[in-house]
Amino acid sequence: SGTNAAAGAAHDAMRRFEDIVGPAAMAKAVANVAAALRTKRDDRRRKRALEAVADPERAALRRLERNREKRDAAKKRGLAADSGKPRPKKHKPVSAAADLLGI
């Protein structure tokens, strides 16, 4: 619900801004921002590709760290790291169950 409220507020602000500056100027501004974002992303992608060639060990460390973060996030969500399936529950050993039942 918080995300929807923020998105609604952003959409409302964009609409008000467009009413002030006009649709043509708004479209031009949005296009400029999108182009700037695309340029930054392309630069980062190019830099990572160059790093993979220039310093493969550092690139490998970056990949390992990224995968470790993915695995930790999956554990935090309760998912198995290799798939989107829920992690199987860990069952108590039989002796613990026997203790609970008083056997």
Protein backbone atom coordinates (compact mmCIF):
# COMPACT_ATOMS: atom_id res chain seq x y z
CA SER A 1 0.00 0.00 0.00
CA GLY A 2 2.92 2.36 0.75
CA THR A 3 4.35 1.80 -2.72
CA ASN A 4 1.00 2.53 -4.35
CA ALA A 5 0.68 5.75 -2.35
CA ALA A 6 4.17 6.87 -3.35
CA ALA A 7 3.52 6.00 -6.99
CA GLY A 8 0.23 7.90 -6.90
CA ALA A 9 1.90 10.94 -5.37
CA ALA A 10 4.67 10.83 -7.99
CA HIS A 11 2.13 10.52 -10.79
CA ASP A 12 0.16 13.46 -9.38
CA ALA A 13 3.32 15.59 -9.14
CA MET A 14 4.25 14.74 -12.74
CA ARG A 15 0.75 15.67 -13.92
CA ARG A 16 0.88 19.01 -12.07
CA PHE A 17 4.33 19.75 -13.43
CA GLU A 18 3.11 18.97 -16.95
CA ASP A 19 0.19 21.40 -16.46
CA ILE A 20 2.70 24.12 -15.54
CA VAL A 21 5.37 23.62 -18.23
CA GLY A 22 3.21 22.15 -20.98
CA PRO A 23 3.12 18.71 -22.58
CA ALA A 24 5.88 19.35 -25.15
CA ALA A 25 8.41 20.62 -22.60
CA MET A 26 7.46 17.80 -20.23
CA ALA A 27 7.96 15.16 -22.92
CA LYS A 28 11.34 16.68 -23.80
CA ALA A 29 12.42 16.73 -20.13
CA VAL A 30 11.33 13.11 -19.60
CA ALA A 31 13.20 12.07 -22.75
CA ASN A 32 16.34 13.90 -21.57
CA VAL A 33 16.22 12.19 -18.17
CA ALA A 34 15.66 8.78 -19.79
CA ALA A 35 18.61 9.37 -22.13
CA ALA A 36 20.84 10.41 -19.22
CA LEU A 37 19.88 7.28 -17.26
CA ARG A 38 20.52 5.10 -20.30
CA THR A 39 23.94 6.70 -20.79
CA LYS A 40 24.90 6.11 -17.15
CA ARG A 41 23.78 2.48 -17.29
CA ASP A 42 25.65 1.90 -20.54
CA ASP A 43 28.79 3.45 -19.03
CA ARG A 44 28.56 1.19 -15.98
CA ARG A 45 27.98 -1.86 -18.18
CA ARG A 46 30.94 -0.93 -20.38
CA LYS A 47 33.13 -0.40 -17.30
CA ARG A 48 32.21 -3.84 -15.91
CA ALA A 49 32.92 -5.50 -19.27
CA LEU A 50 36.32 -3.76 -19.45
CA GLU A 51 37.08 -4.81 -15.87
CA ALA A 52 36.32 -8.44 -16.73
CA VAL A 53 39.05 -8.30 -19.37
CA ALA A 54 41.54 -6.04 -17.57
CA ASP A 55 41.22 -7.53 -14.07
CA PRO A 56 39.49 -10.92 -14.22
CA GLU A 57 40.19 -11.71 -10.55
CA ARG A 58 38.43 -8.58 -9.37
CA ALA A 59 35.51 -9.29 -11.73
CA ALA A 60 35.30 -12.84 -10.35
CA LEU A 61 35.24 -11.50 -6.78
CA ARG A 62 32.45 -9.12 -7.76
CA ARG A 63 30.43 -12.02 -9.22
CA LEU A 64 31.03 -14.17 -6.14
CA GLU A 65 29.91 -11.38 -3.84
CA ARG A 66 26.81 -10.71 -5.93
CA ASN A 67 25.86 -14.39 -5.87
CA ARG A 68 26.48 -14.58 -2.12
CA GLU A 69 24.12 -11.63 -1.65
CA LYS A 70 21.49 -13.33 -3.82
CA ARG A 71 21.82 -16.54 -1.79
CA ASP A 72 21.53 -14.64 1.50
CA ALA A 73 18.48 -12.74 0.26
CA ALA A 74 16.84 -16.02 -0.81
CA LYS A 75 17.54 -17.50 2.62
CA LYS A 76 16.04 -14.43 4.23
CA ARG A 77 12.90 -14.84 2.12
CA GLY A 78 12.80 -18.54 2.97
CA LEU A 79 13.43 -19.73 -0.57
CA ALA A 80 15.90 -22.30 -1.80
CA ALA A 81 18.80 -20.48 -3.48
CA ASP A 82 18.70 -22.52 -6.68
CA SER A 83 14.97 -22.16 -7.39
CA GLY A 84 11.92 -20.17 -6.45
CA LYS A 85 10.54 -23.05 -4.40
CA PRO A 86 10.15 -22.70 -0.63
CA ARG A 87 12.91 -24.22 1.43
CA PRO A 88 11.87 -27.56 2.97
CA LYS A 89 11.13 -27.40 6.66
CA LYS A 90 13.69 -28.91 9.01
CA HIS A 91 12.11 -31.68 11.05
CA LYS A 92 13.08 -32.35 14.62
CA PRO A 93 14.98 -35.55 15.23
CA VAL A 94 12.90 -38.52 16.37
CA SER A 95 14.41 -38.35 19.86
CA ALA A 96 13.16 -34.77 20.27
CA ALA A 97 9.69 -35.81 19.17
CA ALA A 98 9.78 -38.70 21.61
CA ASP A 99 10.72 -36.31 24.41
CA LEU A 100 7.78 -34.07 23.53
CA LEU A 101 5.37 -37.00 23.55
CA GLY A 102 6.78 -38.33 26.79
CA ILE A 103 7.74 -41.69 25.27
